[in-house]
Amino acid sequence: MRKVLIVFLILIGLPSFSKVITGEISKDLKTGVNQVVDAENNVPIEGVIIKIPSKNYQTKTRKDGTFKLGTKFNSPTIMSLEKSGYKPYSMTINDGVVKPIQIAIEKTTPHDIVVDTQMIHIGDNSFSPRSANANEFSIVSSGPFYSKDFKLKLINAGQELFLIIGSIIGIDTIQAQRLGQSKVLTAHSSSPEIFFNGNKIAEIKINGDNQKIKIPFGLIKQNQQNNLTIKTGRNLYKTTDIDFDDIEFTNILFEIN
């Protein structure tokens, strides 16, 4: 019987949302300022594009890697970073809680496969204002699932393939309720499901950053097109029409280690 991975995250710092840093936090950065550096050599990176999709806000890092966030937010929201030659990166931030923001990002490798860096919204555009981070949704839904084909090169013996989901919000499972992420009182949803080449490989129970899922080797199509599908959950208390849970996520990539 194939095992399905249940994905949980460690909660760090935020009272109602999880925050996991993909790269390392540098201890030698400037104090009191927001800054982005190279994870390998700690050198500041100029021209990193920084976006906060829920506020339609965008800025870039200066020559010394520093940046200012010229927008305010009262609840945890996703911040995304992009720079050519580096892995796409995102994290959940909360104004007044994570200050200053100091991040080290990693260079891409020939084995990295960036599938999508856009913000994706799946569901039915019908959700409670008490849904997890509902006030931070930035776009309308494209439907109850996301599906993308991508080509994989040969994977050598001993190597492993991992799916990375940079950040995800909106999940209203019972686990998300217990952690205070979802404020919905009268219902909860099933978990979003991850499928690889038509096979269910994981469920995501709570909202957060840096969701990392190992792909079973036997499901991988070597040097061929492969498919990733993410299906949102359903309201488990709905008995008539299907009510899909609205969620948003960004920065989907595969790593070969």
C-alpha atoms as a PDB file:
ATOM      1  CA  MET A   1       0.000   0.000   0.000  1.00  0.00           C
ATOM      2  CA  ARG A   2       1.412   3.413  -0.980  1.00  0.00           C
ATOM      3  CA  LYS A   3       1.937   5.746   1.966  1.00  0.00           C
ATOM      4  CA  VAL A   4       0.562   9.284   1.827  1.00  0.00           C
ATOM      5  CA  LEU A   5       2.620  11.953   3.546  1.00  0.00           C
ATOM      6  CA  ILE A   6       0.821  14.226   5.995  1.00  0.00           C
ATOM      7  CA  VAL A   7       2.615  17.587   6.070  1.00  0.00           C
ATOM      8  CA  PHE A   8       2.866  19.580   9.312  1.00  0.00           C
ATOM      9  CA  LEU A   9       5.040  22.598  10.099  1.00  0.00           C
ATOM     10  CA  ILE A  10       6.831  23.855  13.193  1.00  0.00           C
ATOM     11  CA  LEU A  11       5.357  27.176  14.339  1.00  0.00           C
ATOM     12  CA  ILE A  12       7.924  29.880  15.021  1.00  0.00           C
ATOM     13  CA  GLY A  13       7.293  33.434  16.170  1.00  0.00           C
ATOM     14  CA  LEU A  14       3.813  34.165  14.832  1.00  0.00           C
ATOM     15  CA  PRO A  15       0.812  33.647  17.109  1.00  0.00           C
ATOM     16  CA  SER A  16      -1.671  32.765  14.387  1.00  0.00           C
ATOM     17  CA  PHE A  17       0.474  31.643  11.453  1.00  0.00           C
ATOM     18  CA  SER A  18       3.591  29.583  10.933  1.00  0.00           C
ATOM     19  CA  LYS A  19       6.876  31.113   9.768  1.00  0.00           C
ATOM     20  CA  VAL A  20       9.696  28.929   8.499  1.00  0.00           C
ATOM     21  CA  ILE A  21      12.704  30.552   6.816  1.00  0.00           C
ATOM     22  CA  THR A  22      13.812  28.745   3.664  1.00  0.00           C
ATOM     23  CA  GLY A  23      17.345  30.099   3.757  1.00  0.00           C
ATOM     24  CA  GLU A  24      19.403  30.865   6.831  1.00  0.00           C
ATOM     25  CA  ILE A  25      19.143  33.992   8.936  1.00  0.00           C
ATOM     26  CA  SER A  26      22.526  35.685   8.858  1.00  0.00           C
ATOM     27  CA  LYS A  27      23.965  36.865  12.189  1.00  0.00           C
ATOM     28  CA  ASP A  28      26.314  39.374  10.571  1.00  0.00           C
ATOM     29  CA  LEU A  29      23.756  41.558   8.805  1.00  0.00           C
ATOM     30  CA  LYS A  30      23.200  45.226   9.475  1.00  0.00           C
ATOM     31  CA  THR A  31      21.088  45.718  12.547  1.00  0.00           C
ATOM     32  CA  GLY A  32      17.753  47.527  12.410  1.00  0.00           C
ATOM     33  CA  VAL A  33      17.290  47.254   8.634  1.00  0.00           C
ATOM     34  CA  ASN A  34      15.670  44.857   6.183  1.00  0.00           C
ATOM     35  CA  GLN A  35      18.344  43.139   4.113  1.00  0.00           C
ATOM     36  CA  VAL A  36      18.811  40.251   1.662  1.00  0.00           C
ATOM     37  CA  VAL A  37      22.155  38.465   1.268  1.00  0.00           C
ATOM     38  CA  ASP A  38      23.611  35.461  -0.519  1.00  0.00           C
ATOM     39  CA  ALA A  39      23.283  32.368   1.681  1.00  0.00           C
ATOM     40  CA  GLU A  40      26.706  31.055   0.663  1.00  0.00           C
ATOM     41  CA  ASN A  41      28.958  34.078   1.156  1.00  0.00           C
ATOM     42  CA  ASN A  42      26.778  36.555   3.089  1.00  0.00           C
ATOM     43  CA  VAL A  43      27.261  39.220   0.379  1.00  0.00           C
ATOM     44  CA  PRO A  44      24.337  41.703   0.013  1.00  0.00           C
ATOM     45  CA  ILE A  45      22.255  41.217  -3.142  1.00  0.00           C
ATOM     46  CA  GLU A  46      21.116  44.187  -5.204  1.00  0.00           C
ATOM     47  CA  GLY A  47      17.979  44.161  -7.346  1.00  0.00           C
ATOM     48  CA  VAL A  48      15.995  41.466  -5.575  1.00  0.00           C
ATOM     49  CA  ILE A  49      12.332  41.991  -6.472  1.00  0.00           C
ATOM     50  CA  ILE A  50      10.196  41.935  -3.346  1.00  0.00           C
ATOM     51  CA  LYS A  51       6.427  41.590  -3.627  1.00  0.00           C
ATOM     52  CA  ILE A  52       3.529  41.603  -1.200  1.00  0.00           C
ATOM     53  CA  PRO A  53       0.727  40.332  -3.468  1.00  0.00           C
ATOM     54  CA  SER A  54      -2.132  41.036  -1.055  1.00  0.00           C
ATOM     55  CA  LYS A  55      -1.216  44.746  -1.094  1.00  0.00           C
ATOM     56  CA  ASN A  56      -0.262  44.879  -4.794  1.00  0.00           C
ATOM     57  CA  TYR A  57       3.103  46.168  -3.584  1.00  0.00           C
ATOM     58  CA  GLN A  58       6.542  45.752  -5.139  1.00  0.00           C
ATOM     59  CA  THR A  59      10.022  47.094  -4.405  1.00  0.00           C
ATOM     60  CA  LYS A  60      13.700  46.177  -4.974  1.00  0.00           C
ATOM     61  CA  THR A  61      16.773  45.838  -2.772  1.00  0.00           C
ATOM     62  CA  ARG A  62      19.432  48.550  -2.926  1.00  0.00           C
ATOM     63  CA  LYS A  63      23.134  48.006  -3.665  1.00  0.00           C
ATOM     64  CA  ASP A  64      23.739  47.024  -0.039  1.00  0.00           C
ATOM     65  CA  GLY A  65      20.847  44.536  -0.128  1.00  0.00           C
ATOM     66  CA  THR A  66      18.599  46.646   2.083  1.00  0.00           C
ATOM     67  CA  PHE A  67      14.958  47.455   1.394  1.00  0.00           C
ATOM     68  CA  LYS A  68      11.969  49.225   2.896  1.00  0.00           C
ATOM     69  CA  LEU A  69       8.408  47.997   2.978  1.00  0.00           C
ATOM     70  CA  GLY A  70       6.273  50.995   2.088  1.00  0.00           C
ATOM     71  CA  THR A  71       3.007  49.321   2.983  1.00  0.00           C
ATOM     72  CA  LYS A  72       1.312  48.228   6.186  1.00  0.00           C
ATOM     73  CA  PHE A  73      -0.565  45.068   7.092  1.00  0.00           C
ATOM     74  CA  ASN A  74      -2.278  44.028  10.287  1.00  0.00           C
ATOM     75  CA  SER A  75      -2.251  40.262   9.870  1.00  0.00           C
ATOM     76  CA  PRO A  76       0.225  37.666   8.574  1.00  0.00           C
ATOM     77  CA  THR A  77       0.722  37.963   4.819  1.00  0.00           C
ATOM     78  CA  ILE A  78       3.001  36.471   2.151  1.00  0.00           C
ATOM     79  CA  MET A  79       6.122  38.266   0.980  1.00  0.00           C
ATOM     80  CA  SER A  80       7.801  36.873  -2.147  1.00  0.00           C
ATOM     81  CA  LEU A  81      11.377  37.433  -3.380  1.00  0.00           C
ATOM     82  CA  GLU A  82      12.693  36.917  -6.920  1.00  0.00           C
ATOM     83  CA  LYS A  83      16.164  37.355  -8.394  1.00  0.00           C
ATOM     84  CA  SER A  84      17.660  35.817 -11.521  1.00  0.00           C
ATOM     85  CA  GLY A  85      20.106  33.084 -10.557  1.00  0.00           C
ATOM     86  CA  TYR A  86      18.467  32.484  -7.173  1.00  0.00           C
ATOM     87  CA  LYS A  87      15.740  30.161  -5.964  1.00  0.00           C
ATOM     88  CA  PRO A  88      12.349  31.856  -5.614  1.00  0.00           C
ATOM     89  CA  TYR A  89      11.681  32.518  -1.968  1.00  0.00           C
ATOM     90  CA  SER A  90       8.663  33.450   0.118  1.00  0.00           C
ATOM     91  CA  MET A  91       7.846  33.853   3.779  1.00  0.00           C
ATOM     92  CA  THR A  92       4.898  34.830   5.928  1.00  0.00           C
ATOM     93  CA  ILE A  93       5.445  38.139   7.709  1.00  0.00           C
ATOM     94  CA  ASN A  94       3.505  40.091  10.302  1.00  0.00           C
ATOM     95  CA  ASP A  95       3.974  43.833  10.778  1.00  0.00           C
ATOM     96  CA  GLY A  96       5.357  44.557  14.217  1.00  0.00           C
ATOM     97  CA  VAL A  97       6.332  40.932  14.874  1.00  0.00           C
ATOM     98  CA  VAL A  98       9.118  40.160  12.400  1.00  0.00           C
ATOM     99  CA  LYS A  99      11.352  43.288  12.465  1.00  0.00           C
ATOM    100  CA  PRO A 100      13.793  43.736  10.902  1.00  0.00           C
ATOM    101  CA  ILE A 101      13.473  41.180   8.102  1.00  0.00           C
ATOM    102  CA  GLN A 102      16.910  39.711   7.359  1.00  0.00           C
ATOM    103  CA  ILE A 103      17.043  36.903   4.810  1.00  0.00           C
ATOM    104  CA  ALA A 104      19.704  34.790   3.120  1.00  0.00           C
ATOM    105  CA  ILE A 105      18.633  33.296  -0.218  1.00  0.00           C
ATOM    106  CA  GLU A 106      20.215  30.448  -2.153  1.00  0.00           C
ATOM    107  CA  LYS A 107      21.551  30.310  -5.711  1.00  0.00           C
ATOM    108  CA  THR A 108      19.814  27.974  -8.112  1.00  0.00           C
ATOM    109  CA  THR A 109      21.492  24.738  -9.182  1.00  0.00           C
ATOM    110  CA  PRO A 110      21.252  22.848 -12.495  1.00  0.00           C
ATOM    111  CA  HIS A 111      18.952  20.388 -10.696  1.00  0.00           C
ATOM    112  CA  ASP A 112      16.330  22.941  -9.639  1.00  0.00           C
ATOM    113  CA  ILE A 113      13.053  23.006 -11.572  1.00  0.00           C
ATOM    114  CA  VAL A 114      11.026  26.172 -11.015  1.00  0.00           C
ATOM    115  CA  VAL A 115       7.420  25.304 -11.862  1.00  0.00           C
ATOM    116  CA  ASP A 116       5.633  28.525 -10.892  1.00  0.00           C
ATOM    117  CA  THR A 117       6.435  31.806  -9.114  1.00  0.00           C
ATOM    118  CA  GLN A 118       2.973  33.352  -9.439  1.00  0.00           C
ATOM    119  CA  MET A 119       0.408  33.583  -6.660  1.00  0.00           C
ATOM    120  CA  ILE A 120      -2.188  30.848  -7.234  1.00  0.00           C
ATOM    121  CA  HIS A 121      -5.735  30.915  -5.799  1.00  0.00           C
ATOM    122  CA  ILE A 122      -7.869  27.769  -5.949  1.00  0.00           C
ATOM    123  CA  GLY A 123     -11.341  27.220  -4.531  1.00  0.00           C
ATOM    124  CA  ASP A 124     -14.761  28.659  -5.409  1.00  0.00           C
ATOM    125  CA  ASN A 125     -14.399  32.335  -4.327  1.00  0.00           C
ATOM    126  CA  SER A 126     -16.865  31.721  -1.506  1.00  0.00           C
ATOM    127  CA  PHE A 127     -15.359  31.876   1.968  1.00  0.00           C
ATOM    128  CA  SER A 128     -15.955  33.231   5.447  1.00  0.00           C
ATOM    129  CA  PRO A 129     -14.130  36.394   6.572  1.00  0.00           C
ATOM    130  CA  ARG A 130     -13.009  34.213   9.494  1.00  0.00           C
ATOM    131  CA  SER A 131     -11.240  31.821   7.119  1.00  0.00           C
ATOM    132  CA  ALA A 132      -7.477  31.587   7.624  1.00  0.00           C
ATOM    133  CA  ASN A 133      -5.985  34.851   6.285  1.00  0.00           C
ATOM    134  CA  ALA A 134      -9.055  35.531   4.132  1.00  0.00           C
ATOM    135  CA  ASN A 135      -8.350  39.281   4.224  1.00  0.00           C
ATOM    136  CA  GLU A 136      -4.966  38.620   2.612  1.00  0.00           C
ATOM    137  CA  PHE A 137      -6.258  36.851  -0.511  1.00  0.00           C
ATOM    138  CA  SER A 138      -4.941  38.754  -3.534  1.00  0.00           C
ATOM    139  CA  ILE A 139      -6.594  37.193  -6.618  1.00  0.00           C
ATOM    140  CA  VAL A 140      -9.725  35.306  -7.660  1.00  0.00           C
ATOM    141  CA  SER A 141      -9.891  31.536  -7.895  1.00  0.00           C
ATOM    142  CA  SER A 142      -8.972  29.648 -11.049  1.00  0.00           C
ATOM    143  CA  GLY A 143     -11.020  26.611  -9.939  1.00  0.00           C
ATOM    144  CA  PRO A 144     -10.790  23.875  -7.286  1.00  0.00           C
ATOM    145  CA  PHE A 145      -7.387  22.563  -8.418  1.00  0.00           C
ATOM    146  CA  TYR A 146      -4.047  23.597  -9.900  1.00  0.00           C
ATOM    147  CA  SER A 147      -2.266  21.400 -12.440  1.00  0.00           C
ATOM    148  CA  LYS A 148       1.050  21.877 -14.236  1.00  0.00           C
ATOM    149  CA  ASP A 149       3.178  19.704 -16.508  1.00  0.00           C
ATOM    150  CA  PHE A 150       6.964  19.959 -16.407  1.00  0.00           C
ATOM    151  CA  LYS A 151       9.901  17.989 -17.771  1.00  0.00           C
ATOM    152  CA  LEU A 152      12.304  16.084 -15.548  1.00  0.00           C
ATOM    153  CA  LYS A 153      15.815  15.101 -16.577  1.00  0.00           C
ATOM    154  CA  LEU A 154      17.411  11.846 -15.531  1.00  0.00           C
ATOM    155  CA  ILE A 155      17.786  11.370 -11.786  1.00  0.00           C
ATOM    156  CA  ASN A 156      20.832   9.395 -10.753  1.00  0.00           C
ATOM    157  CA  ALA A 157      20.781   6.508  -8.316  1.00  0.00           C
ATOM    158  CA  GLY A 158      20.897   7.807  -4.758  1.00  0.00           C
ATOM    159  CA  GLN A 159      19.329  11.137  -5.654  1.00  0.00           C
ATOM    160  CA  GLU A 160      15.931  12.198  -4.331  1.00  0.00           C
ATOM    161  CA  LEU A 161      13.287  14.551  -5.734  1.00  0.00           C
ATOM    162  CA  PHE A 162      11.506  17.010  -3.442  1.00  0.00           C
ATOM    163  CA  LEU A 163       8.559  19.314  -4.073  1.00  0.00           C
ATOM    164  CA  ILE A 164       8.829  22.697  -2.344  1.00  0.00           C
ATOM    165  CA  ILE A 165       5.778  24.943  -1.844  1.00  0.00           C
ATOM    166  CA  GLY A 166       7.082  28.328  -0.736  1.00  0.00           C
ATOM    167  CA  SER A 167       4.031  29.619   1.160  1.00  0.00           C
ATOM    168  CA  ILE A 168       0.381  28.655   1.515  1.00  0.00           C
ATOM    169  CA  ILE A 169      -2.550  30.381   3.260  1.00  0.00           C
ATOM    170  CA  GLY A 170      -6.306  29.874   3.618  1.00  0.00           C
ATOM    171  CA  ILE A 171      -6.374  26.264   4.840  1.00  0.00           C
ATOM    172  CA  ASP A 172      -9.346  25.730   7.194  1.00  0.00           C
ATOM    173  CA  THR A 173      -8.725  22.208   8.476  1.00  0.00           C
ATOM    174  CA  ILE A 174      -9.478  21.273  12.066  1.00  0.00           C
ATOM    175  CA  GLN A 175      -5.712  21.332  12.715  1.00  0.00           C
ATOM    176  CA  ALA A 176      -5.541  24.937  11.429  1.00  0.00           C
ATOM    177  CA  GLN A 177      -8.422  25.827  13.748  1.00  0.00           C
ATOM    178  CA  ARG A 178      -6.690  24.302  16.755  1.00  0.00           C
ATOM    179  CA  LEU A 179      -3.586  26.369  16.035  1.00  0.00           C
ATOM    180  CA  GLY A 180      -5.636  29.573  15.766  1.00  0.00           C
ATOM    181  CA  GLN A 181      -4.933  30.014  12.049  1.00  0.00           C
ATOM    182  CA  SER A 182      -8.582  29.573  11.060  1.00  0.00           C
ATOM    183  CA  LYS A 183     -11.259  31.407  13.051  1.00  0.00           C
ATOM    184  CA  VAL A 184     -14.199  29.572  11.474  1.00  0.00           C
ATOM    185  CA  LEU A 185     -16.299  28.250  14.365  1.00  0.00           C
ATOM    186  CA  THR A 186     -19.027  26.143  12.768  1.00  0.00           C
ATOM    187  CA  ALA A 187     -17.184  24.071  10.148  1.00  0.00           C
ATOM    188  CA  HIS A 188     -13.821  22.827   8.940  1.00  0.00           C
ATOM    189  CA  SER A 189     -12.441  21.538   5.652  1.00  0.00           C
ATOM    190  CA  SER A 190     -10.585  18.505   4.435  1.00  0.00           C
ATOM    191  CA  SER A 191      -6.897  18.950   3.664  1.00  0.00           C
ATOM    192  CA  PRO A 192      -5.481  20.113   0.320  1.00  0.00           C
ATOM    193  CA  GLU A 193      -4.099  17.088  -1.536  1.00  0.00           C
ATOM    194  CA  ILE A 194      -0.919  16.791  -3.593  1.00  0.00           C
ATOM    195  CA  PHE A 195      -0.829  14.478  -6.626  1.00  0.00           C
ATOM    196  CA  PHE A 196       2.220  13.512  -8.666  1.00  0.00           C
ATOM    197  CA  ASN A 197       1.526  11.884 -12.034  1.00  0.00           C
ATOM    198  CA  GLY A 198      -2.018  11.076 -10.893  1.00  0.00           C
ATOM    199  CA  ASN A 199      -0.982   9.540  -7.560  1.00  0.00           C
ATOM    200  CA  LYS A 200      -1.825  11.148  -4.235  1.00  0.00           C
ATOM    201  CA  ILE A 201       1.404  11.647  -2.303  1.00  0.00           C
ATOM    202  CA  ALA A 202       0.588  14.130   0.477  1.00  0.00           C
ATOM    203  CA  GLU A 203      -1.946  16.186   2.395  1.00  0.00           C
ATOM    204  CA  ILE A 204      -1.239  19.630   3.849  1.00  0.00           C
ATOM    205  CA  LYS A 205      -2.907  20.146   7.215  1.00  0.00           C
ATOM    206  CA  ILE A 206      -1.853  23.667   8.202  1.00  0.00           C
ATOM    207  CA  ASN A 207      -0.811  26.964   6.657  1.00  0.00           C
ATOM    208  CA  GLY A 208       2.828  27.999   6.461  1.00  0.00           C
ATOM    209  CA  ASP A 209       6.086  28.283   4.565  1.00  0.00           C
ATOM    210  CA  ASN A 210       8.618  25.915   3.019  1.00  0.00           C
ATOM    211  CA  GLN A 211       6.397  22.863   2.669  1.00  0.00           C
ATOM    212  CA  LYS A 212       8.804  20.118   1.542  1.00  0.00           C
ATOM    213  CA  ILE A 213       7.481  16.827   0.184  1.00  0.00           C
ATOM    214  CA  LYS A 214       9.532  13.858  -0.990  1.00  0.00           C
ATOM    215  CA  ILE A 215       8.418  12.364  -4.322  1.00  0.00           C
ATOM    216  CA  PRO A 216       8.321   8.533  -4.384  1.00  0.00           C
ATOM    217  CA  PHE A 217      11.005   7.458  -6.856  1.00  0.00           C
ATOM    218  CA  GLY A 218       8.741   4.900  -8.552  1.00  0.00           C
ATOM    219  CA  LEU A 219       6.336   7.637  -9.673  1.00  0.00           C
ATOM    220  CA  ILE A 220       8.969   9.682 -11.503  1.00  0.00           C
ATOM    221  CA  LYS A 221       9.003   9.585 -15.310  1.00  0.00           C
ATOM    222  CA  GLN A 222      12.657   9.919 -16.239  1.00  0.00           C
ATOM    223  CA  ASN A 223      13.473  12.448 -18.957  1.00  0.00           C
ATOM    224  CA  GLN A 224       9.751  12.922 -19.699  1.00  0.00           C
ATOM    225  CA  GLN A 225       6.840  15.202 -18.915  1.00  0.00           C
ATOM    226  CA  ASN A 226       5.570  14.842 -15.351  1.00  0.00           C
ATOM    227  CA  ASN A 227       2.468  16.338 -13.745  1.00  0.00           C
ATOM    228  CA  LEU A 228       1.872  18.094 -10.440  1.00  0.00           C
ATOM    229  CA  THR A 229      -1.708  18.651  -9.272  1.00  0.00           C
ATOM    230  CA  ILE A 230      -2.844  20.390  -6.089  1.00  0.00           C
ATOM    231  CA  LYS A 231      -6.495  19.994  -5.094  1.00  0.00           C
ATOM    232  CA  THR A 232      -8.073  22.147  -2.412  1.00  0.00           C
ATOM    233  CA  GLY A 233     -10.146  20.717   0.431  1.00  0.00           C
ATOM    234  CA  ARG A 234     -13.918  20.689   0.864  1.00  0.00           C
ATOM    235  CA  ASN A 235     -16.184  21.868   3.662  1.00  0.00           C
ATOM    236  CA  LEU A 236     -16.860  18.698   5.640  1.00  0.00           C
ATOM    237  CA  TYR A 237     -20.057  20.138   7.129  1.00  0.00           C
ATOM    238  CA  LYS A 238     -21.659  20.918   3.762  1.00  0.00           C
ATOM    239  CA  THR A 239     -24.341  18.380   2.867  1.00  0.00           C
ATOM    240  CA  THR A 240     -25.866  19.765  -0.365  1.00  0.00           C
ATOM    241  CA  ASP A 241     -23.685  21.742  -2.786  1.00  0.00           C
ATOM    242  CA  ILE A 242     -19.923  21.188  -2.775  1.00  0.00           C
ATOM    243  CA  ASP A 243     -18.175  24.010  -0.919  1.00  0.00           C
ATOM    244  CA  PHE A 244     -14.454  24.192  -1.752  1.00  0.00           C
ATOM    245  CA  ASP A 245     -11.932  25.689   0.667  1.00  0.00           C
ATOM    246  CA  ASP A 246     -10.269  28.779  -0.837  1.00  0.00           C
ATOM    247  CA  ILE A 247      -6.479  28.773  -0.518  1.00  0.00           C
ATOM    248  CA  GLU A 248      -3.549  30.667  -2.034  1.00  0.00           C
ATOM    249  CA  PHE A 249       0.043  29.538  -2.535  1.00  0.00           C
ATOM    250  CA  THR A 250       3.172  30.647  -4.353  1.00  0.00           C
ATOM    251  CA  ASN A 251       6.676  29.567  -5.413  1.00  0.00           C
ATOM    252  CA  ILE A 252       6.489  25.947  -6.551  1.00  0.00           C
ATOM    253  CA  LEU A 253       9.751  24.248  -7.383  1.00  0.00           C
ATOM    254  CA  PHE A 254      11.410  20.841  -7.386  1.00  0.00           C
ATOM    255  CA  GLU A 255      14.844  20.130  -5.956  1.00  0.00           C
ATOM    256  CA  ILE A 256      17.026  17.092  -6.641  1.00  0.00           C
ATOM    257  CA  ASN A 257      19.287  16.235  -3.716  1.00  0.00           C
END
